[in-house]
């Protein structure tokens, strides 16, 4: 019987010295979907999988979803793109919204990936996004996009750059993920039907304060798990259950 499982790989905010940046991998029916891609992604995946006792490596990733382009969510994509092309010999499948994808190449990746000198004395050769990645755009709203066994929907959040929240359904179970966002009761409503909701909890600019999440109605609040938290959060006494890197959860 298939399940929807979540391997928590990182839980920290952009400035954490204790945790890897927030990211996780979803598994169903032997297929793996990575959500966000901080650096050093191969080390993050290896350590998380070992800690959770899961036979998982980046070579098993079927696709990746990018929520936005801040470095703590996308800094590992260059490495992963090179690894897939030159080590695995295939393109990395990427899902994101058009507003996020607009600057993915020109604003994030092109500086290190666009030009290559292939032998001494040769002129640089220009490359493009599709030399490394197979990009699929997620529509706004409740229209689902299939990614193997996963069905994805997205919604824009209130953040300092274009960012999307996600609902991911597989094996009859649904995970909701806020990604980075200011507190938004309408987003909570959009996520409310998920079986588990992972929500960021960080008081920095354009993020959600943990105290705001405590105002969520009880039947939804009991589904909440927090991530993207600061190093100052005491996980043992946190008022909402914290995600912990290196753990496996069945949704």
Protein backbone atom coordinates (compact mmCIF):
# COMPACT_ATOMS: atom_id res chain seq x y z
CA UNK A 1 0.00 0.00 0.00
CA UNK A 2 1.36 3.42 -0.96
CA UNK A 3 1.81 6.16 1.59
CA UNK A 4 2.74 9.84 1.53
CA UNK A 5 5.89 10.30 3.58
CA UNK A 6 7.92 13.39 4.41
CA UNK A 7 11.64 13.32 5.08
CA UNK A 8 12.56 16.51 6.93
CA UNK A 9 15.97 17.71 5.72
CA UNK A 10 16.27 21.23 7.13
CA UNK A 11 14.29 23.46 9.47
CA UNK A 12 16.32 26.63 9.97
CA UNK A 13 15.85 30.19 8.81
CA UNK A 14 18.31 32.01 6.56
CA UNK A 15 20.61 32.89 9.48
CA UNK A 16 20.64 29.60 11.37
CA UNK A 17 23.90 28.22 12.72
CA UNK A 18 22.18 25.15 14.18
CA UNK A 19 20.09 23.76 11.33
CA UNK A 20 20.13 23.43 7.58
CA UNK A 21 17.84 25.80 5.70
CA UNK A 22 14.22 24.70 5.45
CA UNK A 23 13.60 21.93 2.92
CA UNK A 24 12.07 18.47 2.78
CA UNK A 25 11.47 15.53 0.45
CA UNK A 26 8.17 13.76 -0.16
CA UNK A 27 7.93 10.08 -1.07
CA UNK A 28 5.06 8.02 -2.45
CA UNK A 29 5.23 4.74 -4.31
CA UNK A 30 9.02 4.93 -4.53
CA UNK A 31 8.96 8.38 -6.17
CA UNK A 32 10.68 11.36 -4.53
CA UNK A 33 9.82 15.05 -4.76
CA UNK A 34 12.23 17.59 -3.24
CA UNK A 35 10.76 20.86 -1.98
CA UNK A 36 13.32 23.68 -2.16
CA UNK A 37 17.04 23.23 -2.58
CA UNK A 38 19.50 24.96 -0.24
CA UNK A 39 23.26 24.40 -0.34
CA UNK A 40 24.97 21.98 0.31
CA UNK A 41 22.09 19.87 -0.95
CA UNK A 42 23.93 16.56 -1.37
CA UNK A 43 25.23 16.74 2.19
CA UNK A 44 21.83 17.83 3.50
CA UNK A 45 20.12 14.87 1.81
CA UNK A 46 22.77 12.36 2.85
CA UNK A 47 22.74 13.36 6.52
CA UNK A 48 18.94 13.61 6.69
CA UNK A 49 18.44 10.20 5.09
CA UNK A 50 21.04 8.55 7.35
CA UNK A 51 19.52 10.07 10.48
CA UNK A 52 16.03 8.89 9.47
CA UNK A 53 17.20 5.45 8.33
CA UNK A 54 15.92 6.02 4.79
CA UNK A 55 17.59 4.73 1.61
CA UNK A 56 17.52 8.08 -0.22
CA UNK A 57 20.04 10.04 -2.24
CA UNK A 58 19.73 12.95 -4.69
CA UNK A 59 20.01 10.44 -7.55
CA UNK A 60 16.52 9.22 -6.55
CA UNK A 61 14.92 12.66 -6.91
CA UNK A 62 12.26 12.56 -9.63
CA UNK A 63 11.54 16.31 -9.49
CA UNK A 64 11.95 19.42 -7.38
CA UNK A 65 9.51 22.19 -6.43
CA UNK A 66 10.86 25.69 -5.85
CA UNK A 67 8.80 27.99 -3.64
CA UNK A 68 10.91 31.12 -4.24
CA UNK A 69 14.38 32.35 -5.11
CA UNK A 70 15.88 33.47 -1.81
CA UNK A 71 19.28 31.86 -1.35
CA UNK A 72 18.31 29.78 1.66
CA UNK A 73 15.77 28.00 -0.58
CA UNK A 74 17.55 27.82 -3.94
CA UNK A 75 21.33 28.08 -3.38
CA UNK A 76 21.85 24.35 -4.00
CA UNK A 77 20.17 24.32 -7.40
CA UNK A 78 23.34 25.10 -9.36
CA UNK A 79 25.11 22.10 -7.80
CA UNK A 80 22.11 19.84 -8.37
CA UNK A 81 21.74 20.97 -11.98
CA UNK A 82 25.39 20.20 -12.70
CA UNK A 83 25.17 16.88 -10.86
CA UNK A 84 22.14 15.74 -12.82
CA UNK A 85 23.63 16.74 -16.18
CA UNK A 86 27.24 15.61 -15.78
CA UNK A 87 27.00 12.76 -13.25
CA UNK A 88 23.51 11.34 -13.84
CA UNK A 89 23.25 12.31 -17.50
CA UNK A 90 19.73 13.74 -17.35
CA UNK A 91 17.87 16.98 -16.79
CA UNK A 92 16.48 17.90 -13.39
CA UNK A 93 12.69 18.33 -13.50
CA UNK A 94 11.63 21.58 -11.80
CA UNK A 95 8.14 22.76 -10.88
CA UNK A 96 7.40 26.33 -9.86
CA UNK A 97 5.13 29.27 -10.63
CA UNK A 98 5.81 31.53 -13.62
CA UNK A 99 6.46 34.53 -11.35
CA UNK A 100 9.16 32.56 -9.54
CA UNK A 101 10.62 31.13 -12.75
CA UNK A 102 10.91 34.54 -14.40
CA UNK A 103 14.22 35.36 -12.70
CA UNK A 104 15.45 31.81 -12.08
CA UNK A 105 17.99 31.84 -14.90
CA UNK A 106 18.74 35.53 -15.33
CA UNK A 107 18.74 36.41 -11.64
CA UNK A 108 20.08 33.28 -9.95
CA UNK A 109 21.82 30.75 -12.20
CA UNK A 110 23.18 32.44 -15.30
CA UNK A 111 26.21 34.01 -13.62
CA UNK A 112 27.79 30.61 -13.03
CA UNK A 113 26.04 28.35 -15.55
CA UNK A 114 25.45 30.35 -18.74
CA UNK A 115 28.96 30.35 -20.23
CA UNK A 116 31.41 27.46 -20.39
CA UNK A 117 34.97 27.15 -21.72
CA UNK A 118 35.25 23.54 -22.80
CA UNK A 119 38.99 23.37 -23.51
CA UNK A 120 42.03 25.64 -23.13
CA UNK A 121 42.00 28.48 -25.65
CA UNK A 122 38.43 27.86 -26.78
CA UNK A 123 35.86 30.63 -26.91
CA UNK A 124 33.13 30.50 -24.26
CA UNK A 125 29.96 28.68 -25.31
CA UNK A 126 26.58 29.96 -24.20
CA UNK A 127 24.05 27.74 -22.48
CA UNK A 128 20.45 28.17 -21.34
CA UNK A 129 18.14 26.97 -18.57
CA UNK A 130 16.88 24.02 -20.61
CA UNK A 131 20.42 22.67 -20.99
CA UNK A 132 20.14 21.63 -17.35
CA UNK A 133 16.51 21.76 -16.27
CA UNK A 134 13.11 20.57 -17.49
CA UNK A 135 10.88 23.41 -16.27
CA UNK A 136 7.14 22.98 -15.61
CA UNK A 137 4.98 25.93 -14.54
CA UNK A 138 2.33 25.58 -11.84
CA UNK A 139 -0.89 27.56 -12.38
CA UNK A 140 -2.51 29.69 -9.69
CA UNK A 141 -5.43 28.43 -7.66
CA UNK A 142 -6.84 24.94 -7.35
CA UNK A 143 -5.90 23.53 -10.77
CA UNK A 144 -3.80 20.45 -10.10
CA UNK A 145 -0.53 19.56 -11.81
CA UNK A 146 0.60 15.93 -11.82
CA UNK A 147 4.19 15.16 -10.94
CA UNK A 148 4.38 11.38 -10.95
CA UNK A 149 2.14 10.18 -8.10
CA UNK A 150 1.96 13.70 -6.64
CA UNK A 151 -0.76 16.24 -7.41
CA UNK A 152 0.38 19.82 -6.83
CA UNK A 153 -1.51 23.06 -6.39
CA UNK A 154 -0.01 26.40 -5.48
CA UNK A 155 -1.01 29.84 -4.24
CA UNK A 156 1.03 33.03 -3.98
CA UNK A 157 2.06 34.12 -0.50
CA UNK A 158 2.80 37.53 1.03
CA UNK A 159 6.58 37.71 0.93
CA UNK A 160 9.32 40.04 -0.23
CA UNK A 161 9.84 38.17 -3.54
CA UNK A 162 7.38 36.04 -5.57
CA UNK A 163 6.69 32.96 -3.44
CA UNK A 164 4.21 30.09 -3.51
CA UNK A 165 2.55 27.95 -0.86
CA UNK A 166 1.80 24.36 -1.82
CA UNK A 167 -0.70 21.59 -1.41
CA UNK A 168 0.65 18.18 -2.36
CA UNK A 169 -1.62 15.13 -2.53
CA UNK A 170 -0.62 11.49 -2.99
CA UNK A 171 -1.97 8.13 -1.80
CA UNK A 172 -5.14 9.84 -0.61
CA UNK A 173 -3.30 12.16 1.78
CA UNK A 174 -2.59 15.89 1.52
CA UNK A 175 0.29 17.96 2.84
CA UNK A 176 0.00 21.74 3.05
CA UNK A 177 3.08 23.99 3.13
CA UNK A 178 3.02 27.72 3.72
CA UNK A 179 6.55 28.38 2.47
CA UNK A 180 7.76 31.89 3.42
CA UNK A 181 4.94 34.33 4.09
CA UNK A 182 3.53 36.95 6.36
CA UNK A 183 0.68 35.65 8.47
CA UNK A 184 -2.32 35.35 6.17
CA UNK A 185 -5.63 33.95 7.47
CA UNK A 186 -6.82 33.38 3.88
CA UNK A 187 -3.77 31.20 3.27
CA UNK A 188 -4.57 29.23 6.43
CA UNK A 189 -8.06 28.67 5.01
CA UNK A 190 -6.56 27.46 1.72
CA UNK A 191 -4.35 24.98 3.60
CA UNK A 192 -6.98 23.95 6.14
CA UNK A 193 -8.17 20.77 4.40
CA UNK A 194 -4.68 19.23 4.36
CA UNK A 195 -4.02 16.37 6.76
CA UNK A 196 -0.77 18.02 7.94
CA UNK A 197 0.19 21.69 7.54
CA UNK A 198 3.82 22.77 7.73
CA UNK A 199 4.02 26.49 8.42
CA UNK A 200 6.97 28.78 8.82
CA UNK A 201 7.39 30.47 12.22
CA UNK A 202 9.83 33.35 12.15
CA UNK A 203 9.45 36.93 13.34
CA UNK A 204 11.74 38.44 10.70
CA UNK A 205 10.51 40.92 8.06
CA UNK A 206 7.72 39.51 5.85
CA UNK A 207 7.49 36.27 7.82
CA UNK A 208 4.94 34.75 10.22
CA UNK A 209 5.28 35.28 13.95
CA UNK A 210 4.72 32.16 16.00
CA UNK A 211 2.23 34.01 18.21
CA UNK A 212 0.02 34.62 15.16
CA UNK A 213 -0.19 30.89 14.50
CA UNK A 214 -1.55 30.38 17.99
CA UNK A 215 -4.65 32.35 16.97
CA UNK A 216 -5.60 29.79 14.29
CA UNK A 217 -8.84 27.96 15.04
CA UNK A 218 -8.22 24.79 17.09
CA UNK A 219 -9.26 22.21 14.47
CA UNK A 220 -6.66 23.63 12.08
CA UNK A 221 -4.05 24.47 14.69
CA UNK A 222 -3.81 20.81 15.70
CA UNK A 223 -2.59 20.03 12.16
CA UNK A 224 0.22 22.62 12.30
CA UNK A 225 3.92 21.76 12.42
CA UNK A 226 6.40 24.64 12.38
CA UNK A 227 9.60 25.10 10.41
CA UNK A 228 11.91 27.93 9.27
CA UNK A 229 12.28 28.84 12.91
CA UNK A 230 15.12 30.85 14.50
CA UNK A 231 17.91 29.32 16.56
CA UNK A 232 16.45 31.01 19.64
CA UNK A 233 13.36 28.78 19.60
CA UNK A 234 13.46 26.16 22.37
CA UNK A 235 12.16 23.07 20.58
CA UNK A 236 11.37 21.33 23.86
CA UNK A 237 8.94 24.03 24.95
CA UNK A 238 7.67 25.31 21.59
CA UNK A 239 3.90 25.94 21.71
CA UNK A 240 3.42 24.17 18.37
CA UNK A 241 5.15 20.94 17.28
CA UNK A 242 8.43 21.74 15.50
CA UNK A 243 9.67 19.86 12.49
CA UNK A 244 13.02 18.22 13.20
CA UNK A 245 15.59 17.56 10.51
CA UNK A 246 16.58 13.96 9.97
CA UNK A 247 13.11 12.58 10.74
CA UNK A 248 10.54 10.72 8.64
CA UNK A 249 6.83 11.44 8.95
CA UNK A 250 3.92 9.55 7.40
CA UNK A 251 1.27 12.09 6.45
